[in-house]
Amino acid sequence: MKDYKDTNGKLPLQLIDPIWMEGLGKVLHYGIQKYGIENEGSWKHSDEQQYIGALYRHMLEHQKGNLIDPESGLPHIEHAMFNIYAVA
């Protein structure tokens, strides 16, 4: 008989592909490198509109077929994901 663990009402976080978490981590790491470790958490206190504007710009570039941000070398979609994370 298999052991049964009741997961009723729990989020199925195991279904989230780790590549998304890794992408978010890459953008956070890039930000720390760009702005300095002393500013590591400063994004949490920034203006929400700043992140919404950046989200739109990264999504537009992605939609135009420009998949990689030339400044960071990371995918625009990962930057967009961070901007959603920052305003959530």
PDB file of N, CA and C in Angstrom:
ATOM      1  N   MET A   1       0.839  -1.172   0.000  1.00  0.00           N
ATOM      2  CA  MET A   1       0.000   0.000   0.000  1.00  0.00           C
ATOM      3  C   MET A   1       0.891   1.244   0.000  1.00  0.00           C
ATOM      4  N   LYS A   2       0.571   2.197  -0.835  1.00  0.00           N
ATOM      5  CA  LYS A   2       1.319   3.450  -0.906  1.00  0.00           C
ATOM      6  C   LYS A   2       0.920   4.359   0.238  1.00  0.00           C
ATOM      7  N   ASP A   3       1.935   5.086   0.715  1.00  0.00           N
ATOM      8  CA  ASP A   3       1.646   6.105   1.720  1.00  0.00           C
ATOM      9  C   ASP A   3       0.900   7.238   1.042  1.00  0.00           C
ATOM     10  N   TYR A   4      -0.040   7.816   1.731  1.00  0.00           N
ATOM     11  CA  TYR A   4      -0.824   8.916   1.183  1.00  0.00           C
ATOM     12  C   TYR A   4      -0.627  10.147   2.046  1.00  0.00           C
ATOM     13  N   LYS A   5      -0.232  11.221   1.415  1.00  0.00           N
ATOM     14  CA  LYS A   5      -0.087  12.488   2.122  1.00  0.00           C
ATOM     15  C   LYS A   5      -1.187  13.406   1.626  1.00  0.00           C
ATOM     16  N   ASP A   6      -1.934  13.938   2.531  1.00  0.00           N
ATOM     17  CA  ASP A   6      -3.021  14.838   2.168  1.00  0.00           C
ATOM     18  C   ASP A   6      -2.447  16.184   1.756  1.00  0.00           C
ATOM     19  N   THR A   7      -2.635  16.532   0.498  1.00  0.00           N
ATOM     20  CA  THR A   7      -2.162  17.826  -0.007  1.00  0.00           C
ATOM     21  C   THR A   7      -3.334  18.737  -0.349  1.00  0.00           C
ATOM     22  N   ASN A   8      -4.486  18.385   0.113  1.00  0.00           N
ATOM     23  CA  ASN A   8      -5.677  19.184  -0.157  1.00  0.00           C
ATOM     24  C   ASN A   8      -5.487  20.611   0.343  1.00  0.00           C
ATOM     25  N   GLY A   9      -5.686  21.572  -0.554  1.00  0.00           N
ATOM     26  CA  GLY A   9      -5.579  22.975  -0.196  1.00  0.00           C
ATOM     27  C   GLY A   9      -4.172  23.534  -0.238  1.00  0.00           C
ATOM     28  N   LYS A  10      -3.177  22.700  -0.546  1.00  0.00           N
ATOM     29  CA  LYS A  10      -1.800  23.177  -0.625  1.00  0.00           C
ATOM     30  C   LYS A  10      -1.462  23.513  -2.068  1.00  0.00           C
ATOM     31  N   LEU A  11      -0.653  24.534  -2.241  1.00  0.00           N
ATOM     32  CA  LEU A  11      -0.255  24.945  -3.581  1.00  0.00           C
ATOM     33  C   LEU A  11       0.660  23.897  -4.212  1.00  0.00           C
ATOM     34  N   PRO A  12       0.453  23.554  -5.484  1.00  0.00           N
ATOM     35  CA  PRO A  12       1.300  22.554  -6.147  1.00  0.00           C
ATOM     36  C   PRO A  12       2.590  23.187  -6.677  1.00  0.00           C
ATOM     37  N   LEU A  13       3.401  23.708  -5.777  1.00  0.00           N
ATOM     38  CA  LEU A  13       4.606  24.421  -6.179  1.00  0.00           C
ATOM     39  C   LEU A  13       5.601  23.524  -6.908  1.00  0.00           C
ATOM     40  N   GLN A  14       5.523  22.240  -6.703  1.00  0.00           N
ATOM     41  CA  GLN A  14       6.417  21.311  -7.390  1.00  0.00           C
ATOM     42  C   GLN A  14       6.170  21.291  -8.894  1.00  0.00           C
ATOM     43  N   LEU A  15       5.056  21.847  -9.334  1.00  0.00           N
ATOM     44  CA  LEU A  15       4.732  21.876 -10.754  1.00  0.00           C
ATOM     45  C   LEU A  15       5.339  23.085 -11.469  1.00  0.00           C
ATOM     46  N   ILE A  16       5.891  24.027 -10.722  1.00  0.00           N
ATOM     47  CA  ILE A  16       6.529  25.194 -11.330  1.00  0.00           C
ATOM     48  C   ILE A  16       7.916  24.778 -11.796  1.00  0.00           C
ATOM     49  N   ASP A  17       8.179  24.994 -13.073  1.00  0.00           N
ATOM     50  CA  ASP A  17       9.469  24.623 -13.638  1.00  0.00           C
ATOM     51  C   ASP A  17      10.572  25.451 -12.969  1.00  0.00           C
ATOM     52  N   PRO A  18      11.598  24.807 -12.441  1.00  0.00           N
ATOM     53  CA  PRO A  18      12.680  25.542 -11.767  1.00  0.00           C
ATOM     54  C   PRO A  18      13.383  26.552 -12.668  1.00  0.00           C
ATOM     55  N   ILE A  19      13.276  26.406 -13.964  1.00  0.00           N
ATOM     56  CA  ILE A  19      13.933  27.356 -14.866  1.00  0.00           C
ATOM     57  C   ILE A  19      13.377  28.767 -14.671  1.00  0.00           C
ATOM     58  N   TRP A  20      12.109  28.881 -14.259  1.00  0.00           N
ATOM     59  CA  TRP A  20      11.527  30.203 -14.008  1.00  0.00           C
ATOM     60  C   TRP A  20      12.145  30.824 -12.768  1.00  0.00           C
ATOM     61  N   MET A  21      12.343  30.023 -11.743  1.00  0.00           N
ATOM     62  CA  MET A  21      12.963  30.524 -10.524  1.00  0.00           C
ATOM     63  C   MET A  21      14.414  30.913 -10.810  1.00  0.00           C
ATOM     64  N   GLU A  22      15.091  30.112 -11.616  1.00  0.00           N
ATOM     65  CA  GLU A  22      16.471  30.411 -11.971  1.00  0.00           C
ATOM     66  C   GLU A  22      16.555  31.719 -12.769  1.00  0.00           C
ATOM     67  N   GLY A  23      15.621  31.921 -13.693  1.00  0.00           N
ATOM     68  CA  GLY A  23      15.603  33.151 -14.475  1.00  0.00           C
ATOM     69  C   GLY A  23      15.411  34.371 -13.606  1.00  0.00           C
ATOM     70  N   LEU A  24      14.519  34.279 -12.648  1.00  0.00           N
ATOM     71  CA  LEU A  24      14.295  35.378 -11.711  1.00  0.00           C
ATOM     72  C   LEU A  24      15.561  35.645 -10.902  1.00  0.00           C
ATOM     73  N   GLY A  25      16.211  34.582 -10.473  1.00  0.00           N
ATOM     74  CA  GLY A  25      17.467  34.720  -9.732  1.00  0.00           C
ATOM     75  C   GLY A  25      18.558  35.390 -10.559  1.00  0.00           C
ATOM     76  N   LYS A  26      18.607  35.077 -11.851  1.00  0.00           N
ATOM     77  CA  LYS A  26      19.604  35.700 -12.729  1.00  0.00           C
ATOM     78  C   LYS A  26      19.396  37.209 -12.821  1.00  0.00           C
ATOM     79  N   VAL A  27      18.156  37.632 -12.953  1.00  0.00           N
ATOM     80  CA  VAL A  27      17.875  39.067 -13.043  1.00  0.00           C
ATOM     81  C   VAL A  27      18.189  39.747 -11.709  1.00  0.00           C
ATOM     82  N   LEU A  28      17.840  39.124 -10.598  1.00  0.00           N
ATOM     83  CA  LEU A  28      18.178  39.684  -9.288  1.00  0.00           C
ATOM     84  C   LEU A  28      19.694  39.793  -9.127  1.00  0.00           C
ATOM     85  N   HIS A  29      20.415  38.763  -9.542  1.00  0.00           N
ATOM     86  CA  HIS A  29      21.881  38.769  -9.467  1.00  0.00           C
ATOM     87  C   HIS A  29      22.460  39.883 -10.338  1.00  0.00           C
ATOM     88  N   TYR A  30      21.914  40.041 -11.540  1.00  0.00           N
ATOM     89  CA  TYR A  30      22.365  41.111 -12.430  1.00  0.00           C
ATOM     90  C   TYR A  30      22.153  42.478 -11.771  1.00  0.00           C
ATOM     91  N   GLY A  31      21.012  42.672 -11.147  1.00  0.00           N
ATOM     92  CA  GLY A  31      20.725  43.932 -10.466  1.00  0.00           C
ATOM     93  C   GLY A  31      21.700  44.215  -9.342  1.00  0.00           C
ATOM     94  N   ILE A  32      22.061  43.189  -8.596  1.00  0.00           N
ATOM     95  CA  ILE A  32      23.034  43.356  -7.511  1.00  0.00           C
ATOM     96  C   ILE A  32      24.391  43.745  -8.089  1.00  0.00           C
ATOM     97  N   GLN A  33      24.783  43.100  -9.198  1.00  0.00           N
ATOM     98  CA  GLN A  33      26.054  43.425  -9.839  1.00  0.00           C
ATOM     99  C   GLN A  33      26.041  44.862 -10.383  1.00  0.00           C
ATOM    100  N   LYS A  34      24.913  45.259 -10.957  1.00  0.00           N
ATOM    101  CA  LYS A  34      24.815  46.579 -11.574  1.00  0.00           C
ATOM    102  C   LYS A  34      24.729  47.701 -10.542  1.00  0.00           C
ATOM    103  N   TYR A  35      23.917  47.496  -9.508  1.00  0.00           N
ATOM    104  CA  TYR A  35      23.640  48.567  -8.556  1.00  0.00           C
ATOM    105  C   TYR A  35      24.397  48.431  -7.237  1.00  0.00           C
ATOM    106  N   GLY A  36      25.067  47.309  -7.012  1.00  0.00           N
ATOM    107  CA  GLY A  36      25.849  47.111  -5.802  1.00  0.00           C
ATOM    108  C   GLY A  36      25.097  46.352  -4.728  1.00  0.00           C
ATOM    109  N   ILE A  37      25.840  45.592  -3.959  1.00  0.00           N
ATOM    110  CA  ILE A  37      25.260  44.748  -2.914  1.00  0.00           C
ATOM    111  C   ILE A  37      24.542  45.582  -1.860  1.00  0.00           C
ATOM    112  N   GLU A  38      24.999  46.816  -1.640  1.00  0.00           N
ATOM    113  CA  GLU A  38      24.349  47.658  -0.631  1.00  0.00           C
ATOM    114  C   GLU A  38      22.932  48.033  -1.041  1.00  0.00           C
ATOM    115  N   ASN A  39      22.608  47.875  -2.323  1.00  0.00           N
ATOM    116  CA  ASN A  39      21.262  48.173  -2.818  1.00  0.00           C
ATOM    117  C   ASN A  39      20.459  46.899  -3.072  1.00  0.00           C
ATOM    118  N   GLU A  40      20.900  45.788  -2.507  1.00  0.00           N
ATOM    119  CA  GLU A  40      20.325  44.473  -2.793  1.00  0.00           C
ATOM    120  C   GLU A  40      18.810  44.432  -2.643  1.00  0.00           C
ATOM    121  N   GLY A  41      18.259  45.042  -1.637  1.00  0.00           N
ATOM    122  CA  GLY A  41      16.818  45.002  -1.427  1.00  0.00           C
ATOM    123  C   GLY A  41      16.110  46.300  -1.743  1.00  0.00           C
ATOM    124  N   SER A  42      16.832  47.259  -2.308  1.00  0.00           N
ATOM    125  CA  SER A  42      16.243  48.575  -2.521  1.00  0.00           C
ATOM    126  C   SER A  42      15.099  48.550  -3.523  1.00  0.00           C
ATOM    127  N   TRP A  43      15.086  47.559  -4.413  1.00  0.00           N
ATOM    128  CA  TRP A  43      14.006  47.476  -5.406  1.00  0.00           C
ATOM    129  C   TRP A  43      12.652  47.309  -4.733  1.00  0.00           C
ATOM    130  N   LYS A  44      12.630  46.793  -3.530  1.00  0.00           N
ATOM    131  CA  LYS A  44      11.362  46.587  -2.828  1.00  0.00           C
ATOM    132  C   LYS A  44      10.694  47.909  -2.445  1.00  0.00           C
ATOM    133  N   HIS A  45      11.472  48.995  -2.436  1.00  0.00           N
ATOM    134  CA  HIS A  45      10.955  50.284  -1.998  1.00  0.00           C
ATOM    135  C   HIS A  45      10.840  51.293  -3.143  1.00  0.00           C
ATOM    136  N   SER A  46      11.016  50.816  -4.357  1.00  0.00           N
ATOM    137  CA  SER A  46      10.980  51.711  -5.517  1.00  0.00           C
ATOM    138  C   SER A  46       9.552  51.934  -5.993  1.00  0.00           C
ATOM    139  N   ASP A  47       9.401  52.929  -6.821  1.00  0.00           N
ATOM    140  CA  ASP A  47       8.106  53.303  -7.374  1.00  0.00           C
ATOM    141  C   ASP A  47       7.568  52.189  -8.272  1.00  0.00           C
ATOM    142  N   GLU A  48       6.358  51.746  -7.995  1.00  0.00           N
ATOM    143  CA  GLU A  48       5.724  50.670  -8.765  1.00  0.00           C
ATOM    144  C   GLU A  48       5.629  51.014 -10.247  1.00  0.00           C
ATOM    145  N   GLN A  49       5.379  52.268 -10.561  1.00  0.00           N
ATOM    146  CA  GLN A  49       5.241  52.679 -11.962  1.00  0.00           C
ATOM    147  C   GLN A  49       6.532  52.465 -12.742  1.00  0.00           C
ATOM    148  N   GLN A  50       7.661  52.570 -12.079  1.00  0.00           N
ATOM    149  CA  GLN A  50       8.955  52.317 -12.710  1.00  0.00           C
ATOM    150  C   GLN A  50       9.007  50.878 -13.228  1.00  0.00           C
ATOM    151  N   TYR A  51       8.533  49.933 -12.424  1.00  0.00           N
ATOM    152  CA  TYR A  51       8.562  48.528 -12.817  1.00  0.00           C
ATOM    153  C   TYR A  51       7.514  48.207 -13.872  1.00  0.00           C
ATOM    154  N   ILE A  52       6.387  48.873 -13.816  1.00  0.00           N
ATOM    155  CA  ILE A  52       5.357  48.653 -14.832  1.00  0.00           C
ATOM    156  C   ILE A  52       5.865  49.142 -16.185  1.00  0.00           C
ATOM    157  N   GLY A  53       6.518  50.293 -16.225  1.00  0.00           N
ATOM    158  CA  GLY A  53       7.097  50.786 -17.465  1.00  0.00           C
ATOM    159  C   GLY A  53       8.149  49.841 -18.011  1.00  0.00           C
ATOM    160  N   ALA A  54       9.020  49.347 -17.131  1.00  0.00           N
ATOM    161  CA  ALA A  54      10.055  48.399 -17.558  1.00  0.00           C
ATOM    162  C   ALA A  54       9.432  47.099 -18.044  1.00  0.00           C
ATOM    163  N   LEU A  55       8.379  46.653 -17.375  1.00  0.00           N
ATOM    164  CA  LEU A  55       7.670  45.445 -17.810  1.00  0.00           C
ATOM    165  C   LEU A  55       7.173  45.602 -19.240  1.00  0.00           C
ATOM    166  N   TYR A  56       6.520  46.720 -19.519  1.00  0.00           N
ATOM    167  CA  TYR A  56       6.003  46.959 -20.870  1.00  0.00           C
ATOM    168  C   TYR A  56       7.126  46.999 -21.901  1.00  0.00           C
ATOM    169  N   ARG A  57       8.235  47.658 -21.555  1.00  0.00           N
ATOM    170  CA  ARG A  57       9.345  47.750 -22.500  1.00  0.00           C
ATOM    171  C   ARG A  57       9.946  46.381 -22.791  1.00  0.00           C
ATOM    172  N   HIS A  58      10.143  45.577 -21.770  1.00  0.00           N
ATOM    173  CA  HIS A  58      10.715  44.236 -21.980  1.00  0.00           C
ATOM    174  C   HIS A  58       9.745  43.341 -22.754  1.00  0.00           C
ATOM    175  N   MET A  59       8.463  43.439 -22.459  1.00  0.00           N
ATOM    176  CA  MET A  59       7.481  42.628 -23.196  1.00  0.00           C
ATOM    177  C   MET A  59       7.416  43.055 -24.658  1.00  0.00           C
ATOM    178  N   LEU A  60       7.490  44.355 -24.909  1.00  0.00           N
ATOM    179  CA  LEU A  60       7.468  44.850 -26.283  1.00  0.00           C
ATOM    180  C   LEU A  60       8.674  44.334 -27.066  1.00  0.00           C
ATOM    181  N   GLU A  61       9.840  44.393 -26.455  1.00  0.00           N
ATOM    182  CA  GLU A  61      11.037  43.873 -27.128  1.00  0.00           C
ATOM    183  C   GLU A  61      10.896  42.382 -27.420  1.00  0.00           C
ATOM    184  N   HIS A  62      10.363  41.654 -26.451  1.00  0.00           N
ATOM    185  CA  HIS A  62      10.145  40.214 -26.645  1.00  0.00           C
ATOM    186  C   HIS A  62       9.175  39.968 -27.804  1.00  0.00           C
ATOM    187  N   GLN A  63       8.092  40.723 -27.839  1.00  0.00           N
ATOM    188  CA  GLN A  63       7.097  40.563 -28.892  1.00  0.00           C
ATOM    189  C   GLN A  63       7.650  40.931 -30.263  1.00  0.00           C
ATOM    190  N   LYS A  64       8.595  41.863 -30.310  1.00  0.00           N
ATOM    191  CA  LYS A  64       9.211  42.253 -31.572  1.00  0.00           C
ATOM    192  C   LYS A  64      10.248  41.221 -32.033  1.00  0.00           C
ATOM    193  N   GLY A  65      10.503  40.215 -31.213  1.00  0.00           N
ATOM    194  CA  GLY A  65      11.459  39.176 -31.574  1.00  0.00           C
ATOM    195  C   GLY A  65      12.861  39.408 -31.061  1.00  0.00           C
ATOM    196  N   ASN A  66      13.044  40.483 -30.293  1.00  0.00           N
ATOM    197  CA  ASN A  66      14.338  40.749 -29.657  1.00  0.00           C
ATOM    198  C   ASN A  66      14.334  40.028 -28.313  1.00  0.00           C
ATOM    199  N   LEU A  67      14.794  38.806 -28.304  1.00  0.00           N
ATOM    200  CA  LEU A  67      14.630  37.957 -27.124  1.00  0.00           C
ATOM    201  C   LEU A  67      15.624  38.266 -26.004  1.00  0.00           C
ATOM    202  N   ILE A  68      16.804  38.782 -26.362  1.00  0.00           N
ATOM    203  CA  ILE A  68      17.847  39.016 -25.368  1.00  0.00           C
ATOM    204  C   ILE A  68      18.058  40.516 -25.159  1.00  0.00           C
ATOM    205  N   ASP A  69      18.080  40.930 -23.897  1.00  0.00           N
ATOM    206  CA  ASP A  69      18.371  42.312 -23.550  1.00  0.00           C
ATOM    207  C   ASP A  69      19.861  42.551 -23.803  1.00  0.00           C
ATOM    208  N   PRO A  70      20.197  43.510 -24.664  1.00  0.00           N
ATOM    209  CA  PRO A  70      21.607  43.702 -25.002  1.00  0.00           C
ATOM    210  C   PRO A  70      22.478  44.171 -23.836  1.00  0.00           C
ATOM    211  N   GLU A  71      21.909  44.887 -22.883  1.00  0.00           N
ATOM    212  CA  GLU A  71      22.705  45.380 -21.749  1.00  0.00           C
ATOM    213  C   GLU A  71      23.080  44.260 -20.794  1.00  0.00           C
ATOM    214  N   SER A  72      22.114  43.413 -20.438  1.00  0.00           N
ATOM    215  CA  SER A  72      22.360  42.378 -19.430  1.00  0.00           C
ATOM    216  C   SER A  72      22.746  41.032 -20.032  1.00  0.00           C
ATOM    217  N   GLY A  73      22.368  40.809 -21.281  1.00  0.00           N
ATOM    218  CA  GLY A  73      22.593  39.501 -21.901  1.00  0.00           C
ATOM    219  C   GLY A  73      21.573  38.463 -21.467  1.00  0.00           C
ATOM    220  N   LEU A  74      20.554  38.898 -20.731  1.00  0.00           N
ATOM    221  CA  LEU A  74      19.508  37.994 -20.240  1.00  0.00           C
ATOM    222  C   LEU A  74      18.250  38.168 -21.082  1.00  0.00           C
ATOM    223  N   PRO A  75      17.399  37.143 -21.123  1.00  0.00           N
ATOM    224  CA  PRO A  75      16.161  37.252 -21.894  1.00  0.00           C
ATOM    225  C   PRO A  75      15.250  38.371 -21.376  1.00  0.00           C
ATOM    226  N   HIS A  76      14.650  39.089 -22.318  1.00  0.00           N
ATOM    227  CA  HIS A  76      13.684  40.129 -21.948  1.00  0.00           C
ATOM    228  C   HIS A  76      12.556  39.537 -21.109  1.00  0.00           C
ATOM    229  N   ILE A  77      12.165  38.306 -21.398  1.00  0.00           N
ATOM    230  CA  ILE A  77      11.050  37.690 -20.669  1.00  0.00           C
ATOM    231  C   ILE A  77      11.412  37.496 -19.195  1.00  0.00           C
ATOM    232  N   GLU A  78      12.690  37.248 -18.902  1.00  0.00           N
ATOM    233  CA  GLU A  78      13.116  37.111 -17.502  1.00  0.00           C
ATOM    234  C   GLU A  78      13.091  38.465 -16.802  1.00  0.00           C
ATOM    235  N   HIS A  79      13.462  39.512 -17.513  1.00  0.00           N
ATOM    236  CA  HIS A  79      13.357  40.853 -16.937  1.00  0.00           C
ATOM    237  C   HIS A  79      11.885  41.198 -16.678  1.00  0.00           C
ATOM    238  N   ALA A  80      11.021  40.846 -17.616  1.00  0.00           N
ATOM    239  CA  ALA A  80       9.591  41.091 -17.439  1.00  0.00           C
ATOM    240  C   ALA A  80       9.067  40.344 -16.222  1.00  0.00           C
ATOM    241  N   MET A  81       9.522  39.106 -16.063  1.00  0.00           N
ATOM    242  CA  MET A  81       9.104  38.308 -14.918  1.00  0.00           C
ATOM    243  C   MET A  81       9.521  38.991 -13.605  1.00  0.00           C
ATOM    244  N   PHE A  82      10.738  39.536 -13.571  1.00  0.00           N
ATOM    245  CA  PHE A  82      11.167  40.255 -12.367  1.00  0.00           C
ATOM    246  C   PHE A  82      10.283  41.459 -12.090  1.00  0.00           C
ATOM    247  N   ASN A  83       9.939  42.196 -13.147  1.00  0.00           N
ATOM    248  CA  ASN A  83       9.120  43.393 -12.957  1.00  0.00           C
ATOM    249  C   ASN A  83       7.730  43.038 -12.420  1.00  0.00           C
ATOM    250  N   ILE A  84       7.183  41.926 -12.847  1.00  0.00           N
ATOM    251  CA  ILE A  84       5.916  41.456 -12.277  1.00  0.00           C
ATOM    252  C   ILE A  84       6.118  41.107 -10.805  1.00  0.00           C
ATOM    253  N   TYR A  85       7.203  40.414 -10.521  1.00  0.00           N
ATOM    254  CA  TYR A  85       7.535  40.039  -9.140  1.00  0.00           C
ATOM    255  C   TYR A  85       7.674  41.276  -8.263  1.00  0.00           C
ATOM    256  N   ALA A  86       8.296  42.326  -8.802  1.00  0.00           N
ATOM    257  CA  ALA A  86       8.553  43.536  -8.016  1.00  0.00           C
ATOM    258  C   ALA A  86       7.274  44.269  -7.640  1.00  0.00           C
ATOM    259  N   VAL A  87       6.238  44.178  -8.466  1.00  0.00           N
ATOM    260  CA  VAL A  87       5.001  44.905  -8.145  1.00  0.00           C
ATOM    261  C   VAL A  87       3.954  44.012  -7.486  1.00  0.00           C
ATOM    262  N   ALA A  88       4.227  42.720  -7.399  1.00  0.00           N
ATOM    263  CA  ALA A  88       3.243  41.788  -6.804  1.00  0.00           C
ATOM    264  C   ALA A  88       3.214  41.903  -5.302  1.00  0.00           C
TER     265      ALA A  88
END
